[in-house]
Amino acid sequence: MEKYTVNRDENGIVWFTINRQEKRNAIDYDVIEGFQQTIFEVEANQGDKALVITGSGDRAFCAGGDLSAFQNLRTKQQAYEMLSKMGEILYSIHTLSKPTVALINGICIGGGCELATACDFRIASQVSKIGFVQGTLGITTGWGGATMLLEKLPYAKAMEFLMTATVISAQQGLEVGFVHKIVDSNRLQEECLSFLIPIVSKETNVLRAYKMVANQKWGIPFKEKMFAEIEQCAILWETDEHHQAVDRFLKKS
C-alpha cells in the first residue's frame, strides 16, 4: 500500500494524503520524499492552484515523525540530517506560491502540528486533538514549527502552547487562533472544497501575487531562525533524556 497519495481535481486543488493509518499517519523517509516531489510539482504547474494536506482515515491528521523509523538516529548530526530535510519541506510549504490548507481530521501532534502551522489555513474536524507535545520527549520543535507559530499566534499564547505541551481540542484551537475553521467530521472534504472554491476560482497569477506579498515576511532571516531552532532540537535529540523517552514511547506503543 502506498504511504501517501496525490490527487488532482478539476478545480486545480492538489490533495496530498498521508496514508499510514496504522502509524497515525506519522512521517517516515518515504513520505518525506513524497512531500519533496509534490511541492516541486505544485510550485511548477500553472494548473495547480492550491495544496491540501491531510491524513487518511478519520483518526489522525499526522502524529509527527515516525519514531520507529528514526530511533536509530542517536547523534546531533544524524538527527540534524533528518530534521533539516523536514525543515526545508515546511519552509517550502510555508512559502509556496499557492495557498495551502492543513485539513486536520483527527490527532495532530508533535511534528504534525508543525506541518499544520506551515500551511496558510487550518481546517479541523470537531473531534481533532492538537498539541506541540515534543517537550514530553525531551526535545523541542525540530522542523521549524516554533518559529512559524510565533508569527501566527500572539506571543503568550504561542509560548504557552509550546512550553506546556498540552493537547487541546479543535474548539480551543479556534479560540487561540490556531484553527481557522471547524467543520463537520463527516463532511470534511466537502467543507474544505467549499472553503477553497472562492479562492481557486481566481487566476493562478492573482494567487501567486498575494502569496508573494506574504512571502516578503519569510525571507532569509526568517529561514535562518527556523534552522537555528532545528539545530537546538538536534542538540537535545542526542541527550539521554530524549532517547529514554523514545524507548518508553516505543515500548508503550
C-alpha atoms as a PDB file:
ATOM      1  CA  MET A   1       0.000   0.000   0.000  1.00  0.00           C
ATOM      2  CA  GLU A   2       1.235   3.473  -0.888  1.00  0.00           C
ATOM      3  CA  LYS A   3       2.312   5.535   2.112  1.00  0.00           C
ATOM      4  CA  TYR A   4       0.824   8.655   0.583  1.00  0.00           C
ATOM      5  CA  THR A   5      -1.464   9.569  -2.282  1.00  0.00           C
ATOM      6  CA  VAL A   6      -1.592  12.655  -4.509  1.00  0.00           C
ATOM      7  CA  ASN A   7      -4.824  13.526  -6.301  1.00  0.00           C
ATOM      8  CA  ARG A   8      -5.685  16.492  -8.500  1.00  0.00           C
ATOM      9  CA  ASP A   9      -9.274  17.596  -9.027  1.00  0.00           C
ATOM     10  CA  GLU A  10     -10.953  19.678 -11.720  1.00  0.00           C
ATOM     11  CA  ASN A  11     -10.698  22.807  -9.559  1.00  0.00           C
ATOM     12  CA  GLY A  12      -6.902  22.803  -9.550  1.00  0.00           C
ATOM     13  CA  ILE A  13      -6.686  21.543  -5.957  1.00  0.00           C
ATOM     14  CA  VAL A  14      -3.941  19.039  -5.166  1.00  0.00           C
ATOM     15  CA  TRP A  15      -4.821  16.674  -2.293  1.00  0.00           C
ATOM     16  CA  PHE A  16      -1.786  15.156  -0.549  1.00  0.00           C
ATOM     17  CA  THR A  17      -2.896  12.417   1.847  1.00  0.00           C
ATOM     18  CA  ILE A  18      -0.558  10.642   4.244  1.00  0.00           C
ATOM     19  CA  ASN A  19      -1.683   7.015   4.102  1.00  0.00           C
ATOM     20  CA  ARG A  20      -0.254   5.372   7.215  1.00  0.00           C
ATOM     21  CA  GLN A  21      -3.271   4.870   9.449  1.00  0.00           C
ATOM     22  CA  GLU A  22      -1.513   2.138  11.447  1.00  0.00           C
ATOM     23  CA  LYS A  23       1.081   4.756  12.451  1.00  0.00           C
ATOM     24  CA  ARG A  24      -1.447   7.572  12.963  1.00  0.00           C
ATOM     25  CA  ASN A  25      -0.155   8.967   9.659  1.00  0.00           C
ATOM     26  CA  ALA A  26       3.319   9.601  11.048  1.00  0.00           C
ATOM     27  CA  ILE A  27       6.002  10.725   8.605  1.00  0.00           C
ATOM     28  CA  ASP A  28       8.862   8.461   7.543  1.00  0.00           C
ATOM     29  CA  TYR A  29      11.507   8.813   4.825  1.00  0.00           C
ATOM     30  CA  ASP A  30       9.163   7.716   2.033  1.00  0.00           C
ATOM     31  CA  VAL A  31       6.615  10.367   2.996  1.00  0.00           C
ATOM     32  CA  ILE A  32       9.405  12.953   3.137  1.00  0.00           C
ATOM     33  CA  GLU A  33      10.275  12.096  -0.482  1.00  0.00           C
ATOM     34  CA  GLY A  34       6.611  12.346  -1.417  1.00  0.00           C
ATOM     35  CA  PHE A  35       6.371  15.823   0.050  1.00  0.00           C
ATOM     36  CA  GLN A  36       9.518  16.948  -1.768  1.00  0.00           C
ATOM     37  CA  GLN A  37       8.240  15.770  -5.153  1.00  0.00           C
ATOM     38  CA  THR A  38       4.700  17.081  -4.701  1.00  0.00           C
ATOM     39  CA  ILE A  39       5.777  20.534  -3.523  1.00  0.00           C
ATOM     40  CA  PHE A  40       8.107  20.820  -6.532  1.00  0.00           C
ATOM     41  CA  GLU A  41       5.275  19.881  -8.898  1.00  0.00           C
ATOM     42  CA  VAL A  42       2.686  22.200  -7.327  1.00  0.00           C
ATOM     43  CA  GLU A  43       5.107  25.096  -7.474  1.00  0.00           C
ATOM     44  CA  ALA A  44       5.867  24.448 -11.137  1.00  0.00           C
ATOM     45  CA  ASN A  45       2.423  23.553 -12.508  1.00  0.00           C
ATOM     46  CA  GLN A  46       0.354  26.548 -13.593  1.00  0.00           C
ATOM     47  CA  GLY A  47      -2.803  24.458 -13.340  1.00  0.00           C
ATOM     48  CA  ASP A  48      -2.243  23.615  -9.666  1.00  0.00           C
ATOM     49  CA  LYS A  49      -3.972  26.337  -7.653  1.00  0.00           C
ATOM     50  CA  ALA A  50      -3.912  25.044  -4.071  1.00  0.00           C
ATOM     51  CA  LEU A  51      -2.394  22.285  -1.942  1.00  0.00           C
ATOM     52  CA  VAL A  52      -4.395  20.463   0.738  1.00  0.00           C
ATOM     53  CA  ILE A  53      -2.524  18.212   3.181  1.00  0.00           C
ATOM     54  CA  THR A  54      -4.447  15.648   5.219  1.00  0.00           C
ATOM     55  CA  GLY A  55      -4.271  12.153   6.674  1.00  0.00           C
ATOM     56  CA  SER A  56      -6.140   9.023   5.674  1.00  0.00           C
ATOM     57  CA  GLY A  57      -8.978   7.719   7.804  1.00  0.00           C
ATOM     58  CA  ASP A  58     -10.819   9.639  10.490  1.00  0.00           C
ATOM     59  CA  ARG A  59      -8.490   9.254  13.483  1.00  0.00           C
ATOM     60  CA  ALA A  60      -5.309  11.155  12.667  1.00  0.00           C
ATOM     61  CA  PHE A  61      -4.034  14.037  10.576  1.00  0.00           C
ATOM     62  CA  CYS A  62      -0.397  13.407  11.447  1.00  0.00           C
ATOM     63  CA  ALA A  63       1.344  12.258  14.615  1.00  0.00           C
ATOM     64  CA  GLY A  64       4.643  13.872  13.568  1.00  0.00           C
ATOM     65  CA  GLY A  65       7.782  11.921  12.815  1.00  0.00           C
ATOM     66  CA  ASP A  66       7.657   8.137  12.942  1.00  0.00           C
ATOM     67  CA  LEU A  67       9.882   7.407  15.940  1.00  0.00           C
ATOM     68  CA  SER A  68      10.233   3.766  14.929  1.00  0.00           C
ATOM     69  CA  ALA A  69      11.774   4.940  11.640  1.00  0.00           C
ATOM     70  CA  PHE A  70      14.037   7.488  13.325  1.00  0.00           C
ATOM     71  CA  GLN A  71      15.031   5.590  16.507  1.00  0.00           C
ATOM     72  CA  ASN A  72      18.494   4.789  15.125  1.00  0.00           C
ATOM     73  CA  LEU A  73      19.322   8.493  14.896  1.00  0.00           C
ATOM     74  CA  ARG A  74      21.411   8.918  18.025  1.00  0.00           C
ATOM     75  CA  THR A  75      23.771  11.853  17.495  1.00  0.00           C
ATOM     76  CA  LYS A  76      23.183  15.525  16.854  1.00  0.00           C
ATOM     77  CA  GLN A  77      24.471  15.216  13.283  1.00  0.00           C
ATOM     78  CA  GLN A  78      22.316  12.194  12.470  1.00  0.00           C
ATOM     79  CA  ALA A  79      19.245  13.942  13.854  1.00  0.00           C
ATOM     80  CA  TYR A  80      20.006  17.218  12.087  1.00  0.00           C
ATOM     81  CA  GLU A  81      20.180  15.498   8.711  1.00  0.00           C
ATOM     82  CA  MET A  82      16.578  14.264   9.053  1.00  0.00           C
ATOM     83  CA  LEU A  83      15.258  17.344  10.865  1.00  0.00           C
ATOM     84  CA  SER A  84      16.693  19.762   8.316  1.00  0.00           C
ATOM     85  CA  LYS A  85      15.091  17.832   5.438  1.00  0.00           C
ATOM     86  CA  MET A  86      11.704  18.336   7.030  1.00  0.00           C
ATOM     87  CA  GLY A  87      12.627  21.918   7.841  1.00  0.00           C
ATOM     88  CA  GLU A  88      13.228  22.542   4.133  1.00  0.00           C
ATOM     89  CA  ILE A  89       9.892  20.928   3.288  1.00  0.00           C
ATOM     90  CA  LEU A  90       7.978  23.008   5.837  1.00  0.00           C
ATOM     91  CA  TYR A  91       9.697  26.184   4.697  1.00  0.00           C
ATOM     92  CA  SER A  92       8.733  25.302   1.117  1.00  0.00           C
ATOM     93  CA  ILE A  93       5.110  24.787   2.169  1.00  0.00           C
ATOM     94  CA  HIS A  94       5.204  27.997   4.176  1.00  0.00           C
ATOM     95  CA  THR A  95       6.463  29.988   1.189  1.00  0.00           C
ATOM     96  CA  LEU A  96       4.650  28.085  -1.584  1.00  0.00           C
ATOM     97  CA  SER A  97       3.312  30.450  -4.246  1.00  0.00           C
ATOM     98  CA  LYS A  98      -0.130  28.783  -3.996  1.00  0.00           C
ATOM     99  CA  PRO A  99      -2.499  28.717  -0.996  1.00  0.00           C
ATOM    100  CA  THR A 100      -2.104  25.745   1.360  1.00  0.00           C
ATOM    101  CA  VAL A 101      -4.550  24.080   3.739  1.00  0.00           C
ATOM    102  CA  ALA A 102      -3.989  21.623   6.576  1.00  0.00           C
ATOM    103  CA  LEU A 103      -7.179  19.558   6.685  1.00  0.00           C
ATOM    104  CA  ILE A 104      -6.948  18.246  10.247  1.00  0.00           C
ATOM    105  CA  ASN A 105      -9.021  15.092  10.521  1.00  0.00           C
ATOM    106  CA  GLY A 106      -8.085  13.833  13.989  1.00  0.00           C
ATOM    107  CA  ILE A 107      -4.888  13.641  16.046  1.00  0.00           C
ATOM    108  CA  CYS A 108      -2.471  16.447  15.156  1.00  0.00           C
ATOM    109  CA  ILE A 109       0.517  16.328  17.484  1.00  0.00           C
ATOM    110  CA  GLY A 110       4.248  16.952  17.516  1.00  0.00           C
ATOM    111  CA  GLY A 111       5.602  17.381  14.020  1.00  0.00           C
ATOM    112  CA  GLY A 112       2.032  17.125  12.754  1.00  0.00           C
ATOM    113  CA  CYS A 113       1.374  20.461  14.449  1.00  0.00           C
ATOM    114  CA  GLU A 114       4.474  21.888  12.802  1.00  0.00           C
ATOM    115  CA  LEU A 115       3.242  20.650   9.420  1.00  0.00           C
ATOM    116  CA  ALA A 116      -0.165  22.255  10.030  1.00  0.00           C
ATOM    117  CA  THR A 117       1.457  25.517  11.145  1.00  0.00           C
ATOM    118  CA  ALA A 118       3.342  25.746   7.840  1.00  0.00           C
ATOM    119  CA  CYS A 119       0.042  25.948   5.946  1.00  0.00           C
ATOM    120  CA  ASP A 120      -1.885  29.152   5.260  1.00  0.00           C
ATOM    121  CA  PHE A 121      -5.135  27.769   6.684  1.00  0.00           C
ATOM    122  CA  ARG A 122      -6.023  25.063   9.214  1.00  0.00           C
ATOM    123  CA  ILE A 123      -9.459  23.477   8.901  1.00  0.00           C
ATOM    124  CA  ALA A 124     -10.229  20.935  11.620  1.00  0.00           C
ATOM    125  CA  SER A 125     -12.873  18.339  12.321  1.00  0.00           C
ATOM    126  CA  GLN A 126     -14.829  18.687  15.552  1.00  0.00           C
ATOM    127  CA  VAL A 127     -13.037  15.730  17.133  1.00  0.00           C
ATOM    128  CA  SER A 128      -9.486  16.830  16.354  1.00  0.00           C
ATOM    129  CA  LYS A 129      -6.866  16.988  19.102  1.00  0.00           C
ATOM    130  CA  ILE A 130      -3.906  19.326  18.669  1.00  0.00           C
ATOM    131  CA  GLY A 131      -0.658  19.637  20.602  1.00  0.00           C
ATOM    132  CA  PHE A 132       3.025  20.504  20.370  1.00  0.00           C
ATOM    133  CA  VAL A 133       3.974  17.534  22.553  1.00  0.00           C
ATOM    134  CA  GLN A 134       7.690  17.477  21.734  1.00  0.00           C
ATOM    135  CA  GLY A 135       8.566  18.612  25.262  1.00  0.00           C
ATOM    136  CA  THR A 136       7.257  15.320  26.653  1.00  0.00           C
ATOM    137  CA  LEU A 137      10.008  13.562  24.653  1.00  0.00           C
ATOM    138  CA  GLY A 138      12.820  15.749  25.940  1.00  0.00           C
ATOM    139  CA  ILE A 139      13.138  17.749  22.715  1.00  0.00           C
ATOM    140  CA  THR A 140      11.730  20.887  21.139  1.00  0.00           C
ATOM    141  CA  THR A 141      10.090  21.518  17.779  1.00  0.00           C
ATOM    142  CA  GLY A 142      12.539  20.130  15.242  1.00  0.00           C
ATOM    143  CA  TRP A 143      11.115  21.225  11.904  1.00  0.00           C
ATOM    144  CA  GLY A 144      10.903  24.989  12.484  1.00  0.00           C
ATOM    145  CA  GLY A 145       7.383  24.943  13.922  1.00  0.00           C
ATOM    146  CA  ALA A 146       8.007  27.279  16.849  1.00  0.00           C
ATOM    147  CA  THR A 147       9.404  29.995  14.581  1.00  0.00           C
ATOM    148  CA  MET A 148       6.325  29.763  12.368  1.00  0.00           C
ATOM    149  CA  LEU A 149       3.893  29.570  15.280  1.00  0.00           C
ATOM    150  CA  LEU A 150       5.305  32.727  16.866  1.00  0.00           C
ATOM    151  CA  GLU A 151       4.486  34.563  13.635  1.00  0.00           C
ATOM    152  CA  LYS A 152       0.925  33.272  13.530  1.00  0.00           C
ATOM    153  CA  LEU A 153      -0.252  33.433  17.155  1.00  0.00           C
ATOM    154  CA  PRO A 154       0.096  36.097  19.860  1.00  0.00           C
ATOM    155  CA  TYR A 155       3.377  35.624  21.729  1.00  0.00           C
ATOM    156  CA  ALA A 156       1.986  34.461  25.086  1.00  0.00           C
ATOM    157  CA  LYS A 157      -0.465  32.024  23.507  1.00  0.00           C
ATOM    158  CA  ALA A 158       2.232  30.539  21.284  1.00  0.00           C
ATOM    159  CA  MET A 159       4.698  30.119  24.154  1.00  0.00           C
ATOM    160  CA  GLU A 160       2.076  28.532  26.401  1.00  0.00           C
ATOM    161  CA  PHE A 161       1.114  26.130  23.614  1.00  0.00           C
ATOM    162  CA  LEU A 162       4.766  25.148  23.112  1.00  0.00           C
ATOM    163  CA  MET A 163       6.025  25.055  26.698  1.00  0.00           C
ATOM    164  CA  THR A 164       3.119  23.200  28.300  1.00  0.00           C
ATOM    165  CA  ALA A 165       2.999  20.542  25.550  1.00  0.00           C
ATOM    166  CA  THR A 166      -0.742  20.481  26.199  1.00  0.00           C
ATOM    167  CA  VAL A 167      -3.116  18.721  23.814  1.00  0.00           C
ATOM    168  CA  ILE A 168      -6.144  20.911  23.102  1.00  0.00           C
ATOM    169  CA  SER A 169      -9.475  20.453  21.345  1.00  0.00           C
ATOM    170  CA  ALA A 170     -10.354  21.866  17.942  1.00  0.00           C
ATOM    171  CA  GLN A 171     -12.594  24.423  19.685  1.00  0.00           C
ATOM    172  CA  GLN A 172      -9.717  25.569  21.896  1.00  0.00           C
ATOM    173  CA  GLY A 173      -7.549  25.744  18.780  1.00  0.00           C
ATOM    174  CA  LEU A 174     -10.142  28.009  17.194  1.00  0.00           C
ATOM    175  CA  GLU A 175     -10.253  30.232  20.277  1.00  0.00           C
ATOM    176  CA  VAL A 176      -6.479  30.779  20.353  1.00  0.00           C
ATOM    177  CA  GLY A 177      -6.334  31.372  16.592  1.00  0.00           C
ATOM    178  CA  PHE A 178      -4.518  28.208  15.522  1.00  0.00           C
ATOM    179  CA  VAL A 179      -7.550  26.698  13.801  1.00  0.00           C
ATOM    180  CA  HIS A 180      -9.150  28.774  11.062  1.00  0.00           C
ATOM    181  CA  LYS A 181     -12.414  26.859  10.818  1.00  0.00           C
ATOM    182  CA  ILE A 182     -14.122  23.846  12.447  1.00  0.00           C
ATOM    183  CA  VAL A 183     -16.236  21.617  10.217  1.00  0.00           C
ATOM    184  CA  ASP A 184     -18.395  18.514  10.479  1.00  0.00           C
ATOM    185  CA  SER A 185     -16.258  15.371  10.712  1.00  0.00           C
ATOM    186  CA  ASN A 186     -18.479  13.597   8.191  1.00  0.00           C
ATOM    187  CA  ARG A 187     -18.193  16.380   5.606  1.00  0.00           C
ATOM    188  CA  LEU A 188     -14.547  17.305   5.978  1.00  0.00           C
ATOM    189  CA  GLN A 189     -13.513  17.207   2.321  1.00  0.00           C
ATOM    190  CA  GLU A 190     -16.747  18.829   1.124  1.00  0.00           C
ATOM    191  CA  GLU A 191     -16.373  21.664   3.638  1.00  0.00           C
ATOM    192  CA  CYS A 192     -12.732  22.173   2.653  1.00  0.00           C
ATOM    193  CA  LEU A 193     -13.737  22.302  -1.002  1.00  0.00           C
ATOM    194  CA  SER A 194     -16.477  24.822  -0.205  1.00  0.00           C
ATOM    195  CA  PHE A 195     -13.906  26.985   1.573  1.00  0.00           C
ATOM    196  CA  LEU A 196     -11.404  26.793  -1.283  1.00  0.00           C
ATOM    197  CA  ILE A 197     -13.682  27.289  -4.303  1.00  0.00           C
ATOM    198  CA  PRO A 198     -13.878  31.107  -3.921  1.00  0.00           C
ATOM    199  CA  ILE A 199     -10.068  31.135  -3.734  1.00  0.00           C
ATOM    200  CA  VAL A 200      -9.192  28.776  -6.595  1.00  0.00           C
ATOM    201  CA  SER A 201     -11.761  30.447  -8.850  1.00  0.00           C
ATOM    202  CA  LYS A 202      -9.230  33.295  -9.147  1.00  0.00           C
ATOM    203  CA  GLU A 203      -6.423  33.235 -11.688  1.00  0.00           C
ATOM    204  CA  THR A 204      -3.227  31.465 -10.614  1.00  0.00           C
ATOM    205  CA  ASN A 205      -1.238  34.667 -11.167  1.00  0.00           C
ATOM    206  CA  VAL A 206      -3.502  36.502  -8.695  1.00  0.00           C
ATOM    207  CA  LEU A 207      -2.934  33.835  -6.066  1.00  0.00           C
ATOM    208  CA  ARG A 208       0.807  33.900  -6.705  1.00  0.00           C
ATOM    209  CA  ALA A 209       0.877  37.689  -6.355  1.00  0.00           C
ATOM    210  CA  TYR A 210      -0.816  37.618  -2.956  1.00  0.00           C
ATOM    211  CA  LYS A 211       1.484  34.850  -1.739  1.00  0.00           C
ATOM    212  CA  MET A 212       4.447  36.890  -2.968  1.00  0.00           C
ATOM    213  CA  VAL A 213       3.323  39.749  -0.730  1.00  0.00           C
ATOM    214  CA  ALA A 214       3.023  37.387   2.229  1.00  0.00           C
ATOM    215  CA  ASN A 215       6.354  35.714   1.500  1.00  0.00           C
ATOM    216  CA  GLN A 216       8.194  39.007   1.823  1.00  0.00           C
ATOM    217  CA  LYS A 217       7.886  38.339   5.563  1.00  0.00           C
ATOM    218  CA  TRP A 218       9.527  34.919   5.267  1.00  0.00           C
ATOM    219  CA  GLY A 219      12.896  35.651   3.648  1.00  0.00           C
ATOM    220  CA  ILE A 220      16.440  34.655   4.577  1.00  0.00           C
ATOM    221  CA  PRO A 221      16.412  35.975   8.191  1.00  0.00           C
ATOM    222  CA  PHE A 222      13.216  34.024   8.891  1.00  0.00           C
ATOM    223  CA  LYS A 223      14.621  30.825   7.389  1.00  0.00           C
ATOM    224  CA  GLU A 224      17.800  31.253   9.426  1.00  0.00           C
ATOM    225  CA  LYS A 225      15.671  31.450  12.584  1.00  0.00           C
ATOM    226  CA  MET A 226      13.909  28.225  11.614  1.00  0.00           C
ATOM    227  CA  PHE A 227      17.187  26.395  11.122  1.00  0.00           C
ATOM    228  CA  ALA A 228      18.661  27.735  14.359  1.00  0.00           C
ATOM    229  CA  GLU A 229      15.585  26.229  16.026  1.00  0.00           C
ATOM    230  CA  ILE A 230      16.180  22.935  14.214  1.00  0.00           C
ATOM    231  CA  GLU A 231      19.788  22.845  15.417  1.00  0.00           C
ATOM    232  CA  GLN A 232      18.660  23.318  19.024  1.00  0.00           C
ATOM    233  CA  CYS A 233      16.368  20.316  18.645  1.00  0.00           C
ATOM    234  CA  ALA A 234      19.244  18.272  17.200  1.00  0.00           C
ATOM    235  CA  ILE A 235      21.348  19.106  20.265  1.00  0.00           C
ATOM    236  CA  LEU A 236      18.577  17.860  22.562  1.00  0.00           C
ATOM    237  CA  TRP A 237      17.984  14.828  20.344  1.00  0.00           C
ATOM    238  CA  GLU A 238      21.262  13.175  21.353  1.00  0.00           C
ATOM    239  CA  THR A 239      20.626  13.523  25.115  1.00  0.00           C
ATOM    240  CA  ASP A 240      19.900  10.502  27.277  1.00  0.00           C
ATOM    241  CA  GLU A 241      16.621  12.096  28.345  1.00  0.00           C
ATOM    242  CA  HIS A 242      15.320  12.046  24.782  1.00  0.00           C
ATOM    243  CA  HIS A 243      16.491   8.528  23.980  1.00  0.00           C
ATOM    244  CA  GLN A 244      14.967   7.204  27.204  1.00  0.00           C
ATOM    245  CA  ALA A 245      11.681   8.965  26.429  1.00  0.00           C
ATOM    246  CA  VAL A 246      11.624   7.454  22.928  1.00  0.00           C
ATOM    247  CA  ASP A 247      12.343   3.984  24.315  1.00  0.00           C
ATOM    248  CA  ARG A 248       9.444   4.344  26.761  1.00  0.00           C
ATOM    249  CA  PHE A 249       7.151   5.529  23.974  1.00  0.00           C
ATOM    250  CA  LEU A 250       8.056   2.648  21.643  1.00  0.00           C
ATOM    251  CA  LYS A 251       7.608   0.048  24.389  1.00  0.00           C
ATOM    252  CA  LYS A 252       4.205   1.505  25.237  1.00  0.00           C
ATOM    253  CA  SER A 253       3.247   1.503  21.552  1.00  0.00           C
END
